[in-house]
N, C-alpha and C. Protein backbone atom coordinates (compact mmCIF):
# COMPACT_ATOMS: atom_id res chain seq x y z
N MET A 1 -162.71 117.36 26.26
CA MET A 1 -161.89 116.17 26.04
C MET A 1 -160.92 115.97 27.20
N ARG A 2 -160.40 117.05 27.74
CA ARG A 2 -159.47 116.90 28.84
C ARG A 2 -160.16 116.39 30.09
N ARG A 3 -161.39 116.96 30.35
CA ARG A 3 -162.11 116.50 31.53
C ARG A 3 -162.48 115.01 31.40
N GLY A 4 -162.90 114.60 30.24
CA GLY A 4 -163.25 113.20 30.03
C GLY A 4 -162.05 112.29 30.21
N SER A 5 -160.91 112.74 29.73
CA SER A 5 -159.70 111.93 29.86
C SER A 5 -159.31 111.78 31.31
N ARG A 6 -159.44 112.91 32.07
CA ARG A 6 -159.09 112.85 33.49
C ARG A 6 -160.02 111.90 34.24
N ARG A 7 -161.31 111.97 33.93
CA ARG A 7 -162.25 111.07 34.60
C ARG A 7 -161.98 109.61 34.25
N SER A 8 -161.65 109.36 33.01
CA SER A 8 -161.35 107.97 32.61
C SER A 8 -160.10 107.46 33.32
N PHE A 9 -159.10 108.36 33.44
CA PHE A 9 -157.86 107.97 34.10
C PHE A 9 -158.09 107.71 35.59
N SER A 10 -158.93 108.55 36.22
CA SER A 10 -159.25 108.35 37.64
C SER A 10 -160.01 107.05 37.85
N GLY A 11 -160.95 106.77 36.95
CA GLY A 11 -161.70 105.52 37.06
C GLY A 11 -160.80 104.31 36.90
N LEU A 12 -159.81 104.43 36.01
CA LEU A 12 -158.87 103.33 35.81
C LEU A 12 -158.03 103.09 37.06
N LEU A 13 -157.58 104.21 37.70
CA LEU A 13 -156.79 104.08 38.92
C LEU A 13 -157.60 103.41 40.04
N ILE A 14 -158.89 103.81 40.15
CA ILE A 14 -159.75 103.22 41.19
C ILE A 14 -159.95 101.72 40.94
N THR A 15 -160.14 101.34 39.69
CA THR A 15 -160.33 99.92 39.35
C THR A 15 -159.09 99.11 39.67
N VAL A 16 -157.92 99.67 39.30
CA VAL A 16 -156.66 98.97 39.58
C VAL A 16 -156.46 98.82 41.09
N ALA A 17 -156.79 99.89 41.86
CA ALA A 17 -156.64 99.82 43.31
C ALA A 17 -157.55 98.78 43.93
N LEU A 18 -158.80 98.71 43.44
CA LEU A 18 -159.73 97.70 43.96
C LEU A 18 -159.24 96.29 43.68
N HIS A 19 -158.78 96.05 42.45
CA HIS A 19 -158.27 94.72 42.11
C HIS A 19 -157.03 94.37 42.95
N ALA A 20 -156.17 95.35 43.16
CA ALA A 20 -154.98 95.11 43.97
C ALA A 20 -155.36 94.77 45.41
N GLY A 21 -156.39 95.47 45.94
CA GLY A 21 -156.84 95.18 47.30
C GLY A 21 -157.42 93.78 47.42
N ILE A 22 -158.20 93.38 46.40
CA ILE A 22 -158.78 92.03 46.42
C ILE A 22 -157.68 90.96 46.37
N LEU A 23 -156.70 91.16 45.49
CA LEU A 23 -155.59 90.21 45.39
C LEU A 23 -154.80 90.12 46.68
N TRP A 24 -154.58 91.30 47.31
CA TRP A 24 -153.84 91.32 48.57
C TRP A 24 -154.62 90.57 49.67
N ALA A 25 -155.94 90.74 49.72
CA ALA A 25 -156.76 90.05 50.72
C ALA A 25 -156.74 88.54 50.52
N ILE A 26 -156.82 88.10 49.24
CA ILE A 26 -156.76 86.67 48.95
C ILE A 26 -155.42 86.08 49.35
N LYS A 27 -154.34 86.80 49.03
CA LYS A 27 -153.01 86.31 49.37
C LYS A 27 -152.81 86.24 50.87
N THR A 28 -153.30 87.25 51.58
CA THR A 28 -153.17 87.27 53.05
C THR A 28 -153.94 86.12 53.69
N ALA A 29 -155.14 85.84 53.17
CA ALA A 29 -155.95 84.76 53.73
C ALA A 29 -155.29 83.41 53.54
N HIS A 30 -154.69 83.20 52.36
CA HIS A 30 -154.06 81.90 52.09
C HIS A 30 -152.70 81.78 52.76
N SER A 31 -152.09 82.90 53.13
CA SER A 31 -150.77 82.83 53.75
C SER A 31 -150.84 82.42 55.21
N HIS A 32 -152.01 82.57 55.87
CA HIS A 32 -152.16 82.18 57.27
C HIS A 32 -152.25 80.65 57.37
N PRO A 33 -151.53 80.04 58.31
CA PRO A 33 -151.62 78.57 58.45
C PRO A 33 -152.99 78.15 58.91
N GLN A 34 -153.45 77.00 58.41
CA GLN A 34 -154.75 76.49 58.80
C GLN A 34 -154.71 75.96 60.23
N GLU A 35 -155.79 76.20 60.94
CA GLU A 35 -155.90 75.71 62.30
C GLU A 35 -156.05 74.19 62.28
N PRO A 36 -155.41 73.50 63.19
CA PRO A 36 -155.57 72.04 63.23
C PRO A 36 -157.01 71.65 63.52
N ILE A 37 -157.41 70.52 62.95
CA ILE A 37 -158.78 70.04 63.16
C ILE A 37 -159.01 69.72 64.63
N ILE A 38 -158.02 69.11 65.26
CA ILE A 38 -158.11 68.79 66.68
C ILE A 38 -156.96 69.49 67.38
N GLY A 39 -157.25 70.40 68.25
CA GLY A 39 -156.22 71.13 68.95
C GLY A 39 -155.62 70.30 70.07
N PRO A 40 -154.47 70.73 70.61
CA PRO A 40 -153.88 70.00 71.73
C PRO A 40 -154.82 69.97 72.92
N ARG A 41 -154.86 68.83 73.59
CA ARG A 41 -155.72 68.69 74.75
C ARG A 41 -155.15 67.62 75.67
N ASP A 42 -155.63 67.62 76.88
CA ASP A 42 -155.15 66.64 77.84
C ASP A 42 -155.60 65.24 77.45
N PHE A 43 -154.83 64.26 77.91
CA PHE A 43 -155.19 62.87 77.64
C PHE A 43 -156.52 62.54 78.31
N VAL A 44 -157.28 61.73 77.62
CA VAL A 44 -158.53 61.22 78.20
C VAL A 44 -158.16 60.02 79.07
N LYS A 45 -158.46 60.12 80.35
CA LYS A 45 -158.11 59.06 81.28
C LYS A 45 -159.38 58.33 81.71
N ALA A 46 -159.52 57.13 81.25
CA ALA A 46 -160.67 56.30 81.60
C ALA A 46 -160.29 54.85 81.40
N GLU A 47 -160.76 54.00 82.27
CA GLU A 47 -160.47 52.57 82.20
C GLU A 47 -161.76 51.78 82.31
N MET A 48 -161.86 50.75 81.50
CA MET A 48 -163.01 49.86 81.55
C MET A 48 -162.64 48.60 82.30
N VAL A 49 -163.47 48.22 83.26
CA VAL A 49 -163.19 47.03 84.05
C VAL A 49 -163.36 45.79 83.17
N LYS A 50 -162.46 44.84 83.33
CA LYS A 50 -162.50 43.65 82.50
C LYS A 50 -163.41 42.59 83.10
N LEU A 51 -163.90 41.72 82.24
CA LEU A 51 -164.77 40.64 82.67
C LEU A 51 -163.95 39.59 83.40
N GLY A 52 -164.39 39.23 84.57
CA GLY A 52 -163.63 38.23 85.33
C GLY A 52 -164.25 38.00 86.69
N LYS A 53 -163.44 37.49 87.57
CA LYS A 53 -163.88 37.13 88.91
C LYS A 53 -163.40 38.18 89.89
N PRO A 54 -164.31 38.71 90.72
CA PRO A 54 -163.88 39.72 91.70
C PRO A 54 -162.79 39.18 92.60
N ARG A 55 -161.90 40.07 93.01
CA ARG A 55 -160.79 39.67 93.87
C ARG A 55 -161.33 39.24 95.23
N ASP A 56 -160.79 38.14 95.72
CA ASP A 56 -161.20 37.63 97.02
C ASP A 56 -160.81 38.64 98.10
N LYS A 57 -161.70 38.82 99.08
CA LYS A 57 -161.45 39.78 100.14
C LYS A 57 -160.17 39.45 100.92
N PHE A 58 -159.77 38.18 100.87
CA PHE A 58 -158.55 37.78 101.58
C PHE A 58 -157.33 38.49 101.01
N TRP A 59 -157.35 38.82 99.67
CA TRP A 59 -156.20 39.42 99.02
C TRP A 59 -156.27 40.93 98.98
N LEU A 60 -157.36 41.51 99.44
CA LEU A 60 -157.49 42.95 99.44
C LEU A 60 -156.57 43.56 100.50
N PRO A 61 -156.11 44.80 100.28
CA PRO A 61 -155.25 45.44 101.30
C PRO A 61 -155.98 45.56 102.63
N LYS A 62 -155.28 45.28 103.67
CA LYS A 62 -155.87 45.32 104.99
C LYS A 62 -155.27 46.45 105.81
N LYS A 63 -156.10 47.04 106.63
CA LYS A 63 -155.64 48.11 107.50
C LYS A 63 -154.83 47.52 108.64
N GLU A 64 -153.64 48.07 108.82
CA GLU A 64 -152.78 47.56 109.87
C GLU A 64 -153.34 47.94 111.24
N VAL A 65 -153.42 46.96 112.11
CA VAL A 65 -153.93 47.16 113.46
C VAL A 65 -152.83 46.78 114.44
N GLN A 66 -152.54 47.70 115.34
CA GLN A 66 -151.51 47.42 116.34
C GLN A 66 -151.98 46.32 117.29
N PRO A 67 -151.11 45.37 117.59
CA PRO A 67 -151.50 44.29 118.52
C PRO A 67 -151.76 44.86 119.91
N PRO A 68 -152.66 44.25 120.63
CA PRO A 68 -152.96 44.74 121.98
C PRO A 68 -151.75 44.54 122.90
N PRO A 69 -151.61 45.38 123.90
CA PRO A 69 -150.47 45.22 124.82
C PRO A 69 -150.59 43.94 125.62
N PRO A 70 -149.48 43.34 125.98
CA PRO A 70 -149.53 42.09 126.76
C PRO A 70 -150.11 42.36 128.16
N PRO A 71 -150.72 41.37 128.73
CA PRO A 71 -151.24 41.54 130.10
C PRO A 71 -150.11 41.79 131.07
N PRO A 72 -150.41 42.47 132.16
CA PRO A 72 -149.33 42.80 133.11
C PRO A 72 -148.66 41.59 133.74
N ASP A 73 -149.37 40.46 133.81
CA ASP A 73 -148.78 39.28 134.43
C ASP A 73 -148.13 38.34 133.40
N ALA A 74 -147.93 38.82 132.16
CA ALA A 74 -147.33 37.97 131.13
C ALA A 74 -145.86 37.73 131.46
N LYS A 75 -145.42 36.54 131.14
CA LYS A 75 -144.03 36.17 131.41
C LYS A 75 -143.21 36.23 130.12
N LYS A 76 -142.02 36.76 130.21
CA LYS A 76 -141.12 36.81 129.07
C LYS A 76 -140.48 35.45 128.86
N ILE A 77 -140.19 35.15 127.60
CA ILE A 77 -139.57 33.85 127.30
C ILE A 77 -138.17 33.81 127.87
N SER A 78 -137.46 34.92 127.74
CA SER A 78 -136.10 34.96 128.25
C SER A 78 -135.82 36.33 128.83
N MET A 79 -135.24 36.34 130.00
CA MET A 79 -134.86 37.60 130.62
C MET A 79 -133.45 38.02 130.23
N ASN A 80 -132.76 37.15 129.49
CA ASN A 80 -131.38 37.44 129.11
C ASN A 80 -131.37 38.26 127.82
N PRO A 81 -130.89 39.49 127.82
CA PRO A 81 -130.87 40.30 126.59
C PRO A 81 -129.94 39.74 125.53
N ASP A 82 -129.01 38.88 125.92
CA ASP A 82 -128.05 38.29 124.97
C ASP A 82 -128.51 36.95 124.44
N ALA A 83 -129.76 36.61 124.72
CA ALA A 83 -130.25 35.31 124.27
C ALA A 83 -130.32 35.27 122.76
N GLY A 84 -130.09 34.10 122.18
CA GLY A 84 -130.12 33.96 120.73
C GLY A 84 -131.54 33.98 120.18
N ALA A 85 -131.62 34.06 118.85
CA ALA A 85 -132.93 34.11 118.20
C ALA A 85 -133.63 32.76 118.32
N ALA A 86 -134.95 32.83 118.22
CA ALA A 86 -135.73 31.60 118.28
C ALA A 86 -135.42 30.73 117.06
N PRO A 87 -135.44 29.43 117.23
CA PRO A 87 -135.12 28.55 116.10
C PRO A 87 -136.16 28.68 114.98
N VAL A 88 -135.68 28.62 113.74
CA VAL A 88 -136.54 28.73 112.56
C VAL A 88 -137.06 27.34 112.20
N VAL A 89 -138.36 27.19 112.17
CA VAL A 89 -138.97 25.91 111.84
C VAL A 89 -139.22 25.87 110.33
N PRO A 90 -138.60 24.95 109.59
CA PRO A 90 -138.80 24.90 108.13
C PRO A 90 -140.24 24.52 107.76
N ALA A 91 -140.66 24.96 106.59
CA ALA A 91 -142.00 24.61 106.11
C ALA A 91 -142.08 23.13 105.81
N PRO A 92 -143.24 22.53 105.98
CA PRO A 92 -143.36 21.09 105.72
C PRO A 92 -143.13 20.77 104.24
N SER A 93 -142.53 19.64 104.00
CA SER A 93 -142.25 19.21 102.63
C SER A 93 -142.73 17.77 102.45
N ARG A 94 -143.22 17.48 101.23
CA ARG A 94 -143.71 16.13 100.96
C ARG A 94 -142.58 15.11 100.88
N THR A 95 -141.37 15.60 100.63
CA THR A 95 -140.23 14.68 100.53
C THR A 95 -139.60 14.39 101.88
N ASP A 96 -140.01 15.16 102.90
CA ASP A 96 -139.46 14.95 104.24
C ASP A 96 -140.15 13.74 104.87
N PRO A 97 -139.40 12.72 105.29
CA PRO A 97 -140.03 11.52 105.89
C PRO A 97 -140.75 11.83 107.19
N ARG A 98 -140.44 12.97 107.82
CA ARG A 98 -141.08 13.29 109.09
C ARG A 98 -142.46 13.93 108.88
N THR A 99 -142.80 14.32 107.62
CA THR A 99 -144.09 14.94 107.34
C THR A 99 -145.18 13.89 107.32
N SER A 100 -146.25 14.17 108.02
CA SER A 100 -147.35 13.20 108.10
C SER A 100 -148.07 13.11 106.76
N GLN A 101 -148.80 12.02 106.58
CA GLN A 101 -149.55 11.80 105.34
C GLN A 101 -150.65 12.84 105.15
N ALA A 102 -151.26 13.29 106.23
CA ALA A 102 -152.32 14.30 106.13
C ALA A 102 -151.77 15.61 105.58
N VAL A 103 -150.58 16.00 106.04
CA VAL A 103 -149.96 17.23 105.55
C VAL A 103 -149.56 17.09 104.08
N LYS A 104 -149.07 15.89 103.71
CA LYS A 104 -148.71 15.65 102.32
C LYS A 104 -149.93 15.76 101.41
N ASN A 105 -151.07 15.23 101.84
CA ASN A 105 -152.30 15.33 101.04
C ASN A 105 -152.75 16.78 100.90
N ALA A 106 -152.59 17.56 101.97
CA ALA A 106 -152.97 18.97 101.92
C ALA A 106 -152.07 19.74 100.94
N LEU A 107 -150.78 19.45 100.95
CA LEU A 107 -149.86 20.10 100.02
C LEU A 107 -150.18 19.72 98.58
N ALA A 108 -150.58 18.48 98.35
CA ALA A 108 -150.93 18.05 97.00
C ALA A 108 -152.16 18.79 96.49
N LYS A 109 -153.15 19.02 97.38
CA LYS A 109 -154.34 19.78 96.98
C LYS A 109 -153.99 21.23 96.63
N VAL A 110 -153.07 21.80 97.39
CA VAL A 110 -152.64 23.18 97.11
C VAL A 110 -152.00 23.27 95.73
N ASP A 111 -151.16 22.27 95.38
CA ASP A 111 -150.51 22.27 94.07
C ASP A 111 -151.53 22.21 92.93
N LYS A 112 -152.66 21.54 93.16
CA LYS A 112 -153.69 21.45 92.12
C LYS A 112 -154.52 22.73 92.03
N LEU A 113 -154.67 23.43 93.15
CA LEU A 113 -155.49 24.64 93.15
C LEU A 113 -154.76 25.86 92.59
N ILE A 114 -153.44 25.88 92.67
CA ILE A 114 -152.68 27.04 92.19
C ILE A 114 -152.91 27.31 90.71
N PRO A 115 -152.80 26.28 89.81
CA PRO A 115 -153.06 26.57 88.38
C PRO A 115 -154.48 27.05 88.12
N LEU A 116 -155.47 26.53 88.87
CA LEU A 116 -156.85 26.96 88.67
C LEU A 116 -157.02 28.41 89.08
N ALA A 117 -156.36 28.82 90.14
CA ALA A 117 -156.46 30.21 90.59
C ALA A 117 -155.82 31.15 89.59
N GLU A 118 -154.73 30.73 88.93
CA GLU A 118 -154.06 31.59 87.95
C GLU A 118 -154.88 31.75 86.68
N GLU A 119 -155.73 30.76 86.36
CA GLU A 119 -156.52 30.84 85.14
C GLU A 119 -157.67 31.84 85.27
N ASP A 120 -158.18 32.04 86.49
CA ASP A 120 -159.28 32.96 86.70
C ASP A 120 -158.79 34.39 86.53
N LYS A 121 -159.40 35.11 85.60
CA LYS A 121 -159.03 36.49 85.39
C LYS A 121 -159.74 37.37 86.40
N GLU A 122 -158.93 38.25 86.98
CA GLU A 122 -159.51 39.15 87.98
C GLU A 122 -160.28 40.26 87.28
N GLY A 123 -161.43 40.57 87.77
CA GLY A 123 -162.26 41.61 87.19
C GLY A 123 -163.61 41.67 87.88
N GLN A 124 -164.65 41.95 87.10
CA GLN A 124 -166.00 41.99 87.64
C GLN A 124 -166.91 41.16 86.75
N SER A 125 -167.92 40.57 87.38
CA SER A 125 -168.87 39.76 86.62
C SER A 125 -169.66 40.59 85.63
N THR A 126 -169.76 41.90 85.87
CA THR A 126 -170.45 42.81 84.95
C THR A 126 -169.49 43.54 84.03
N GLY A 127 -168.23 43.11 84.01
CA GLY A 127 -167.22 43.78 83.18
C GLY A 127 -167.36 43.47 81.71
N ASN A 128 -166.39 43.96 80.94
CA ASN A 128 -166.39 43.80 79.50
C ASN A 128 -165.18 42.99 79.06
N LYS A 129 -165.33 42.21 78.00
CA LYS A 129 -164.23 41.37 77.52
C LYS A 129 -163.03 42.19 77.06
N ILE A 130 -163.27 43.42 76.61
CA ILE A 130 -162.16 44.25 76.13
C ILE A 130 -161.65 45.17 77.23
N GLY A 131 -162.15 45.01 78.44
CA GLY A 131 -161.67 45.82 79.56
C GLY A 131 -160.22 45.49 79.89
N THR A 132 -159.52 46.46 80.48
CA THR A 132 -158.10 46.29 80.78
C THR A 132 -157.77 46.53 82.25
N ALA A 133 -158.73 46.97 83.04
CA ALA A 133 -158.46 47.31 84.43
C ALA A 133 -159.31 46.46 85.36
N THR A 134 -158.87 46.36 86.61
CA THR A 134 -159.63 45.62 87.61
C THR A 134 -160.72 46.48 88.22
N GLU A 135 -160.62 47.80 88.05
CA GLU A 135 -161.64 48.72 88.54
C GLU A 135 -161.89 49.79 87.48
N SER A 136 -163.14 50.13 87.28
CA SER A 136 -163.48 51.14 86.29
C SER A 136 -163.15 52.53 86.81
N SER A 137 -162.84 53.45 85.88
CA SER A 137 -162.54 54.83 86.24
C SER A 137 -162.87 55.73 85.06
N GLY A 138 -163.23 56.97 85.36
CA GLY A 138 -163.53 57.92 84.31
C GLY A 138 -164.90 57.70 83.69
N ASP A 139 -165.13 58.37 82.58
CA ASP A 139 -166.39 58.28 81.86
C ASP A 139 -166.53 56.90 81.20
N PRO A 140 -167.65 56.21 81.38
CA PRO A 140 -167.79 54.86 80.80
C PRO A 140 -167.65 54.85 79.29
N TYR A 141 -168.17 55.87 78.60
CA TYR A 141 -168.06 55.87 77.14
C TYR A 141 -166.61 56.09 76.71
N ASP A 142 -165.90 57.00 77.38
CA ASP A 142 -164.49 57.20 77.07
C ASP A 142 -163.70 55.92 77.29
N ALA A 143 -164.02 55.21 78.37
CA ALA A 143 -163.34 53.94 78.64
C ALA A 143 -163.59 52.93 77.54
N LEU A 144 -164.81 52.91 77.01
CA LEU A 144 -165.15 51.99 75.93
C LEU A 144 -164.34 52.32 74.68
N VAL A 145 -164.24 53.59 74.34
CA VAL A 145 -163.48 54.00 73.15
C VAL A 145 -162.02 53.64 73.29
N ILE A 146 -161.42 53.97 74.43
CA ILE A 146 -160.00 53.71 74.64
C ILE A 146 -159.72 52.21 74.63
N SER A 147 -160.56 51.43 75.28
CA SER A 147 -160.36 49.98 75.29
C SER A 147 -160.49 49.38 73.89
N THR A 148 -161.40 49.93 73.09
CA THR A 148 -161.57 49.44 71.72
C THR A 148 -160.33 49.72 70.89
N ILE A 149 -159.78 50.93 71.02
CA ILE A 149 -158.58 51.29 70.25
C ILE A 149 -157.40 50.41 70.66
N ARG A 150 -157.22 50.21 71.95
CA ARG A 150 -156.11 49.40 72.42
C ARG A 150 -156.26 47.94 72.05
N GLN A 151 -157.49 47.50 71.81
CA GLN A 151 -157.70 46.13 71.37
C GLN A 151 -157.13 45.92 69.96
N TYR A 152 -157.22 46.95 69.13
CA TYR A 152 -156.71 46.84 67.76
C TYR A 152 -155.22 47.17 67.67
N TYR A 153 -154.65 47.71 68.72
CA TYR A 153 -153.23 48.06 68.70
C TYR A 153 -152.39 46.83 69.00
N THR A 154 -151.53 46.47 68.08
CA THR A 154 -150.64 45.32 68.25
C THR A 154 -149.21 45.75 67.97
N LEU A 155 -148.31 45.24 68.77
CA LEU A 155 -146.89 45.54 68.57
C LEU A 155 -146.33 44.73 67.40
N PRO A 156 -145.36 45.29 66.68
CA PRO A 156 -144.73 44.52 65.60
C PRO A 156 -144.10 43.24 66.15
N ALA A 157 -143.98 42.24 65.29
CA ALA A 157 -143.44 40.95 65.69
C ALA A 157 -142.03 41.12 66.26
N GLY A 158 -141.80 40.45 67.37
CA GLY A 158 -140.48 40.49 68.00
C GLY A 158 -140.34 41.55 69.06
N LEU A 159 -141.32 42.44 69.21
CA LEU A 159 -141.24 43.50 70.21
C LEU A 159 -142.14 43.19 71.39
N THR A 160 -141.69 43.59 72.57
CA THR A 160 -142.48 43.46 73.79
C THR A 160 -142.78 44.86 74.33
N PRO A 161 -143.81 45.02 75.15
CA PRO A 161 -144.11 46.36 75.70
C PRO A 161 -142.94 47.00 76.41
N ASP A 162 -142.08 46.18 77.05
CA ASP A 162 -140.93 46.75 77.77
C ASP A 162 -139.92 47.38 76.81
N GLN A 163 -139.94 46.96 75.55
CA GLN A 163 -138.99 47.51 74.58
C GLN A 163 -139.46 48.83 73.97
N VAL A 164 -140.69 49.22 74.25
CA VAL A 164 -141.21 50.51 73.75
C VAL A 164 -141.22 51.46 74.94
N ALA A 165 -140.08 52.10 75.17
CA ALA A 165 -139.94 52.96 76.35
C ALA A 165 -140.78 54.22 76.25
N ASP A 166 -140.97 54.71 75.03
CA ASP A 166 -141.72 55.97 74.84
C ASP A 166 -142.89 55.68 73.90
N PRO A 167 -144.06 55.32 74.42
CA PRO A 167 -145.19 54.94 73.56
C PRO A 167 -145.62 56.10 72.67
N PRO A 168 -146.08 55.81 71.45
CA PRO A 168 -146.59 56.87 70.57
C PRO A 168 -147.92 57.41 71.06
N GLU A 169 -148.25 58.62 70.64
CA GLU A 169 -149.50 59.26 71.04
C GLU A 169 -150.26 59.71 69.79
N ILE A 170 -151.57 59.58 69.85
CA ILE A 170 -152.41 59.95 68.71
C ILE A 170 -153.60 60.78 69.18
N GLN A 171 -154.18 61.50 68.21
CA GLN A 171 -155.44 62.20 68.41
C GLN A 171 -156.40 61.73 67.34
N PHE A 172 -157.67 61.66 67.68
CA PHE A 172 -158.68 61.30 66.70
C PHE A 172 -160.03 61.82 67.17
N LYS A 173 -161.00 61.71 66.30
CA LYS A 173 -162.33 62.23 66.57
C LYS A 173 -163.37 61.13 66.38
N VAL A 174 -164.32 61.05 67.30
CA VAL A 174 -165.46 60.16 67.17
C VAL A 174 -166.66 61.03 66.78
N ASN A 175 -167.15 60.84 65.58
CA ASN A 175 -168.25 61.66 65.07
C ASN A 175 -169.57 61.29 65.75
N SER A 176 -170.59 62.07 65.44
CA SER A 176 -171.89 61.88 66.09
C SER A 176 -172.50 60.52 65.79
N ASP A 177 -172.09 59.88 64.68
CA ASP A 177 -172.61 58.55 64.34
C ASP A 177 -171.70 57.42 64.83
N GLY A 178 -170.62 57.76 65.56
CA GLY A 178 -169.71 56.76 66.08
C GLY A 178 -168.53 56.45 65.19
N ARG A 179 -168.49 57.04 64.00
CA ARG A 179 -167.37 56.77 63.09
C ARG A 179 -166.13 57.55 63.54
N ILE A 180 -164.97 56.90 63.39
CA ILE A 180 -163.69 57.49 63.81
C ILE A 180 -163.04 58.17 62.60
N SER A 181 -162.56 59.40 62.81
CA SER A 181 -161.93 60.14 61.72
C SER A 181 -160.84 61.04 62.28
N ASN A 182 -160.14 61.72 61.36
CA ASN A 182 -159.10 62.71 61.71
C ASN A 182 -158.02 62.12 62.62
N VAL A 183 -157.55 60.92 62.29
CA VAL A 183 -156.50 60.28 63.08
C VAL A 183 -155.17 60.97 62.79
N LYS A 184 -154.46 61.33 63.83
CA LYS A 184 -153.23 62.09 63.66
C LYS A 184 -152.21 61.64 64.70
N LEU A 185 -150.98 61.36 64.26
CA LEU A 185 -149.89 61.02 65.17
C LEU A 185 -149.31 62.31 65.75
N THR A 186 -149.36 62.45 67.07
CA THR A 186 -148.89 63.67 67.71
C THR A 186 -147.54 63.50 68.40
N LYS A 187 -147.14 62.26 68.66
CA LYS A 187 -145.85 62.00 69.27
C LYS A 187 -145.32 60.66 68.80
N SER A 188 -144.10 60.65 68.32
CA SER A 188 -143.51 59.43 67.77
C SER A 188 -142.82 58.63 68.86
N SER A 189 -142.79 57.32 68.65
CA SER A 189 -142.06 56.43 69.56
C SER A 189 -140.63 56.21 69.07
N HIS A 190 -140.27 56.88 67.97
CA HIS A 190 -138.97 56.73 67.32
C HIS A 190 -138.81 55.35 66.69
N ASN A 191 -139.93 54.68 66.48
CA ASN A 191 -139.94 53.41 65.76
C ASN A 191 -141.10 53.48 64.75
N PRO A 192 -140.81 53.61 63.45
CA PRO A 192 -141.87 53.78 62.46
C PRO A 192 -142.90 52.66 62.48
N LEU A 193 -142.48 51.43 62.75
CA LEU A 193 -143.42 50.31 62.77
C LEU A 193 -144.41 50.44 63.92
N VAL A 194 -143.91 50.85 65.08
CA VAL A 194 -144.79 51.04 66.24
C VAL A 194 -145.75 52.21 65.98
N ASP A 195 -145.24 53.29 65.39
CA ASP A 195 -146.09 54.44 65.08
C ASP A 195 -147.20 54.06 64.11
N ASP A 196 -146.84 53.30 63.08
CA ASP A 196 -147.85 52.88 62.09
C ASP A 196 -148.92 52.01 62.73
N SER A 197 -148.51 51.13 63.65
CA SER A 197 -149.48 50.27 64.31
C SER A 197 -150.42 51.09 65.18
N CYS A 198 -149.90 52.13 65.81
CA CYS A 198 -150.72 52.99 66.66
C CYS A 198 -151.73 53.76 65.83
N VAL A 199 -151.30 54.31 64.71
CA VAL A 199 -152.20 55.09 63.85
C VAL A 199 -153.25 54.19 63.20
N SER A 200 -152.86 52.96 62.86
CA SER A 200 -153.80 52.08 62.18
C SER A 200 -154.85 51.49 63.12
N ALA A 201 -154.61 51.55 64.44
CA ALA A 201 -155.57 50.97 65.41
C ALA A 201 -156.95 51.61 65.29
N PRO A 202 -157.09 52.94 65.38
CA PRO A 202 -158.43 53.52 65.22
C PRO A 202 -158.96 53.39 63.79
N GLN A 203 -158.04 53.33 62.82
CA GLN A 203 -158.49 53.15 61.44
C GLN A 203 -159.09 51.77 61.23
N GLN A 204 -158.55 50.76 61.90
CA GLN A 204 -159.11 49.42 61.81
C GLN A 204 -160.43 49.31 62.57
N ALA A 205 -160.52 50.01 63.72
CA ALA A 205 -161.77 49.98 64.47
C ALA A 205 -162.90 50.62 63.68
N GLN A 206 -162.61 51.68 62.95
CA GLN A 206 -163.54 52.38 62.06
C GLN A 206 -164.71 53.03 62.79
N LYS A 207 -165.36 52.28 63.67
CA LYS A 207 -166.57 52.80 64.28
C LYS A 207 -166.76 52.22 65.68
N VAL A 208 -167.30 53.03 66.58
CA VAL A 208 -167.65 52.59 67.92
C VAL A 208 -169.12 52.95 68.17
N GLU A 209 -169.57 52.71 69.36
CA GLU A 209 -170.95 53.06 69.68
C GLU A 209 -171.18 54.56 69.55
N THR A 210 -172.42 54.94 69.27
CA THR A 210 -172.76 56.35 69.12
C THR A 210 -172.53 57.08 70.43
N PRO A 211 -171.86 58.25 70.40
CA PRO A 211 -171.62 58.99 71.65
C PRO A 211 -172.92 59.38 72.32
N PRO A 212 -172.94 59.47 73.63
CA PRO A 212 -174.14 59.90 74.35
C PRO A 212 -174.60 61.29 73.88
N GLY A 213 -175.87 61.40 73.57
CA GLY A 213 -176.40 62.67 73.11
C GLY A 213 -176.10 62.97 71.66
N GLY A 214 -175.40 62.05 70.97
CA GLY A 214 -175.08 62.28 69.57
C GLY A 214 -174.08 63.40 69.33
N LYS A 215 -173.27 63.74 70.34
CA LYS A 215 -172.29 64.81 70.20
C LYS A 215 -170.91 64.21 69.94
N ALA A 216 -170.22 64.75 68.94
CA ALA A 216 -168.88 64.26 68.58
C ALA A 216 -167.91 64.53 69.73
N ARG A 217 -166.90 63.67 69.84
CA ARG A 217 -165.89 63.81 70.89
C ARG A 217 -164.51 63.68 70.29
N ALA A 218 -163.55 64.41 70.86
CA ALA A 218 -162.16 64.33 70.44
C ALA A 218 -161.34 63.64 71.52
N TYR A 219 -160.36 62.84 71.10
CA TYR A 219 -159.57 62.06 72.04
C TYR A 219 -158.08 62.22 71.76
N ALA A 220 -157.31 62.15 72.82
CA ALA A 220 -155.86 62.11 72.74
C ALA A 220 -155.39 61.02 73.70
N ILE A 221 -154.80 59.96 73.14
CA ILE A 221 -154.40 58.82 73.97
C ILE A 221 -153.02 58.35 73.55
N ALA A 222 -152.41 57.57 74.43
CA ALA A 222 -151.13 56.92 74.14
C ALA A 222 -151.38 55.45 73.88
N CYS A 223 -150.67 54.90 72.91
CA CYS A 223 -150.83 53.49 72.57
C CYS A 223 -149.95 52.66 73.49
N ARG A 224 -150.59 51.90 74.35
CA ARG A 224 -149.88 51.03 75.29
C ARG A 224 -150.53 49.65 75.27
N LYS A 225 -149.72 48.64 75.57
CA LYS A 225 -150.23 47.28 75.71
C LYS A 225 -150.13 46.87 77.16
């Protein structure tokens, strides 16, 4: 009877120890914080070129070229170092009676062409309507995703981009089927309305084109207009 009692008591102790170990393991597992779905990562930098008219070569930056030296037999206008500056000739004006009719007609044509030039959006003929840059950069698919999100991002009424000094930042995931999920605000603009608009932008987009190769992608971008 004594041996049986001792064995029963030992078995009870072992059972209690096993249950205590299981409970401790469960508690330890639940006490660890869950890893974020999308970890911190660098911003995705990509721009999609907008649909428009290519910039005229006349307006492109030009390489500065030093003028050639004057010929040795060139004559100076004035040998006097104290000579005054050359007279400034004013630009022709249509209201000036001394301006010829031909110059007035040319000025009138310029006034008509200026509004037409301002209406033409600068871009590329092969660009996209939701593009935001004059030149493409980065991965084309990333540029498409970012441009789509920014298309849905709108500032609250009464606010201008200059009034949002610190734009909000978000992270989200594009799944293998193009659906957007796991939207998370990672940096606040200190304006709840602006933050809500930034978070709702990918939620409104809901879906974009399927990622190349069907592989999901994670993004971290700032909401800017």
